[in-house]
Amino acid sequence: MAGPWRVPVADVGVQRDGYLEKTGNAMVSAEALSLAPIDPAASVRIAITEALTNLLAADISDIKNVIFSGNWMANLKDKAAFIDLRIAVEAVSAFCTELGISIPTGKDSFSMEAKWENTLKDLKENVRV
């Protein structure tokens, strides 16, 4: 990953199941960050298309072998971001269904919100060494 937006610099990572095997798996990463605030649905369709294009280097035999995992992120304090996220998730679901691609799993950033209420001073006073 490189740059201020952590853009992937490789198209695809491929690994074989064994040294002499002709099977294996591939991993790609794709994004369309600059388009997301303007058109969330178009952003995810472009990201999926980029990922599929990158997979061409891995010699995927059938598009039904492709399985995506989503990473859903939005600002928890911005209601408009939630609306955009909903639009994006519905668009990616419809697009993958239309293409016959599975996207059974994903990670959300919402459950990761944490609040740090203790200061370092409080921690030092309450921790015994």
Protein backbone atom coordinates (compact mmCIF):
# COMPACT_ATOMS: atom_id res chain seq x y z
CA MET A 1 0.00 0.00 0.00
CA ALA A 2 1.34 3.42 -0.87
CA GLY A 3 0.48 7.08 -0.70
CA PRO A 4 -1.84 9.12 1.50
CA TRP A 5 -4.89 7.00 0.58
CA ARG A 6 -3.08 3.66 1.04
CA VAL A 7 -3.61 2.59 -2.57
CA PRO A 8 -2.60 -0.99 -3.45
CA VAL A 9 0.45 -1.12 -5.72
CA ALA A 10 0.05 -4.72 -6.92
CA ASP A 11 -2.72 -5.97 -9.17
CA VAL A 12 -2.97 -9.52 -7.88
CA GLY A 13 -1.31 -11.92 -5.49
CA VAL A 14 -1.35 -15.56 -6.59
CA GLN A 15 -0.35 -18.69 -4.69
CA ARG A 16 -0.40 -22.32 -5.73
CA ASP A 17 -1.74 -25.11 -3.53
CA GLY A 18 1.62 -26.87 -3.82
CA TYR A 19 4.89 -26.73 -5.69
CA LEU A 20 3.71 -29.01 -8.50
CA GLU A 21 0.00 -28.15 -8.29
CA LYS A 22 -1.87 -26.28 -11.00
CA THR A 23 -4.50 -25.02 -8.59
CA GLY A 24 -4.35 -22.30 -5.97
CA ASN A 25 -5.91 -19.00 -5.08
CA ALA A 26 -5.53 -15.34 -5.85
CA MET A 27 -6.15 -12.16 -3.91
CA VAL A 28 -6.84 -8.72 -5.28
CA SER A 29 -7.64 -5.40 -3.75
CA ALA A 30 -9.57 -2.64 -5.47
CA GLU A 31 -11.01 0.74 -4.59
CA ALA A 32 -12.52 3.84 -6.12
CA LEU A 33 -12.04 6.30 -3.28
CA SER A 34 -12.23 9.50 -5.29
CA LEU A 35 -15.62 8.55 -6.76
CA ALA A 36 -17.23 7.32 -3.51
CA PRO A 37 -18.39 10.73 -2.19
CA ILE A 38 -19.86 11.64 -5.59
CA ASP A 39 -21.59 8.35 -6.49
CA PRO A 40 -21.31 5.50 -3.96
CA ALA A 41 -23.02 2.96 -6.24
CA ALA A 42 -20.72 3.71 -9.18
CA SER A 43 -17.73 3.58 -6.84
CA VAL A 44 -18.39 -0.02 -5.79
CA ARG A 45 -19.17 -1.13 -9.34
CA ILE A 46 -15.85 0.32 -10.52
CA ALA A 47 -13.99 -1.31 -7.61
CA ILE A 48 -15.54 -4.72 -8.41
CA THR A 49 -14.68 -4.26 -12.09
CA GLU A 50 -11.10 -3.32 -11.22
CA ALA A 51 -10.78 -6.39 -9.00
CA LEU A 52 -12.07 -8.65 -11.77
CA THR A 53 -9.71 -7.07 -14.28
CA ASN A 54 -6.81 -7.64 -11.89
CA LEU A 55 -7.84 -11.29 -11.51
CA LEU A 56 -7.32 -11.87 -15.24
CA ALA A 57 -3.61 -12.27 -14.46
CA ALA A 58 -4.45 -15.23 -12.19
CA ASP A 59 -6.10 -17.37 -14.88
CA ILE A 60 -9.42 -17.83 -13.10
CA SER A 61 -11.26 -20.64 -14.89
CA ASP A 62 -14.82 -19.62 -13.97
CA ILE A 63 -16.28 -16.40 -12.56
CA LYS A 64 -18.31 -18.56 -10.15
CA ASN A 65 -14.99 -19.32 -8.40
CA VAL A 66 -14.66 -15.66 -7.42
CA ILE A 67 -15.61 -14.83 -3.83
CA PHE A 68 -15.42 -11.25 -2.56
CA SER A 69 -15.24 -9.89 0.95
CA GLY A 70 -16.41 -6.35 1.59
CA ASN A 71 -14.99 -3.83 4.01
CA TRP A 72 -17.75 -1.37 4.90
CA MET A 73 -16.60 1.91 6.39
CA ALA A 74 -18.34 5.18 7.20
CA ASN A 75 -17.98 8.05 9.62
CA LEU A 76 -20.11 7.11 12.61
CA LYS A 77 -21.07 10.71 13.29
CA ASP A 78 -22.15 11.55 9.73
CA LYS A 79 -25.72 10.51 8.83
CA ALA A 80 -25.10 11.24 5.14
CA ALA A 81 -22.22 8.75 5.21
CA PHE A 82 -24.60 6.06 6.46
CA ILE A 83 -26.97 6.77 3.58
CA ASP A 84 -24.08 6.59 1.10
CA LEU A 85 -22.94 3.34 2.68
CA ARG A 86 -26.42 1.85 2.36
CA ILE A 87 -26.51 2.86 -1.32
CA ALA A 88 -23.06 1.30 -1.86
CA VAL A 89 -23.91 -1.98 -0.12
CA GLU A 90 -27.15 -2.36 -2.07
CA ALA A 91 -25.28 -1.60 -5.32
CA VAL A 92 -22.49 -4.09 -4.65
CA SER A 93 -25.03 -6.77 -3.75
CA ALA A 94 -27.03 -6.19 -6.93
CA PHE A 95 -23.91 -6.00 -9.12
CA CYS A 96 -22.39 -9.20 -7.70
CA THR A 97 -25.72 -11.00 -8.04
CA GLU A 98 -25.98 -9.89 -11.67
CA LEU A 99 -22.44 -11.13 -12.38
CA GLY A 100 -22.90 -14.40 -10.48
CA ILE A 101 -20.17 -13.53 -7.97
CA SER A 102 -20.39 -14.42 -4.31
CA ILE A 103 -19.85 -11.80 -1.59
CA PRO A 104 -20.88 -13.71 1.55
CA THR A 105 -18.85 -11.81 4.09
CA GLY A 106 -17.58 -8.41 5.03
CA LYS A 107 -16.16 -6.33 7.84
CA ASP A 108 -17.72 -3.20 9.20
CA SER A 109 -15.99 -0.29 10.85
CA PHE A 110 -18.97 0.54 13.06
CA SER A 111 -18.37 -2.14 15.67
CA MET A 112 -14.78 -0.97 15.99
CA GLU A 113 -15.59 2.42 17.49
CA ALA A 114 -13.94 2.66 20.86
CA LYS A 115 -13.74 5.41 23.42
CA TRP A 116 -10.66 5.92 25.53
CA GLU A 117 -11.80 7.47 28.76
CA ASN A 118 -8.72 7.02 30.92
CA THR A 119 -5.76 9.32 30.62
CA LEU A 120 -2.23 7.97 30.78
CA LYS A 121 -1.91 9.50 34.25
CA ASP A 122 -5.03 7.62 35.44
CA LEU A 123 -3.65 4.39 34.07
CA LYS A 124 -0.28 4.83 35.77
CA GLU A 125 -1.98 5.54 39.11
CA ASN A 126 -4.17 2.41 38.85
CA VAL A 127 -1.64 -0.11 37.53
CA ARG A 128 0.58 -1.95 39.97
CA VAL A 129 4.01 -3.01 38.78
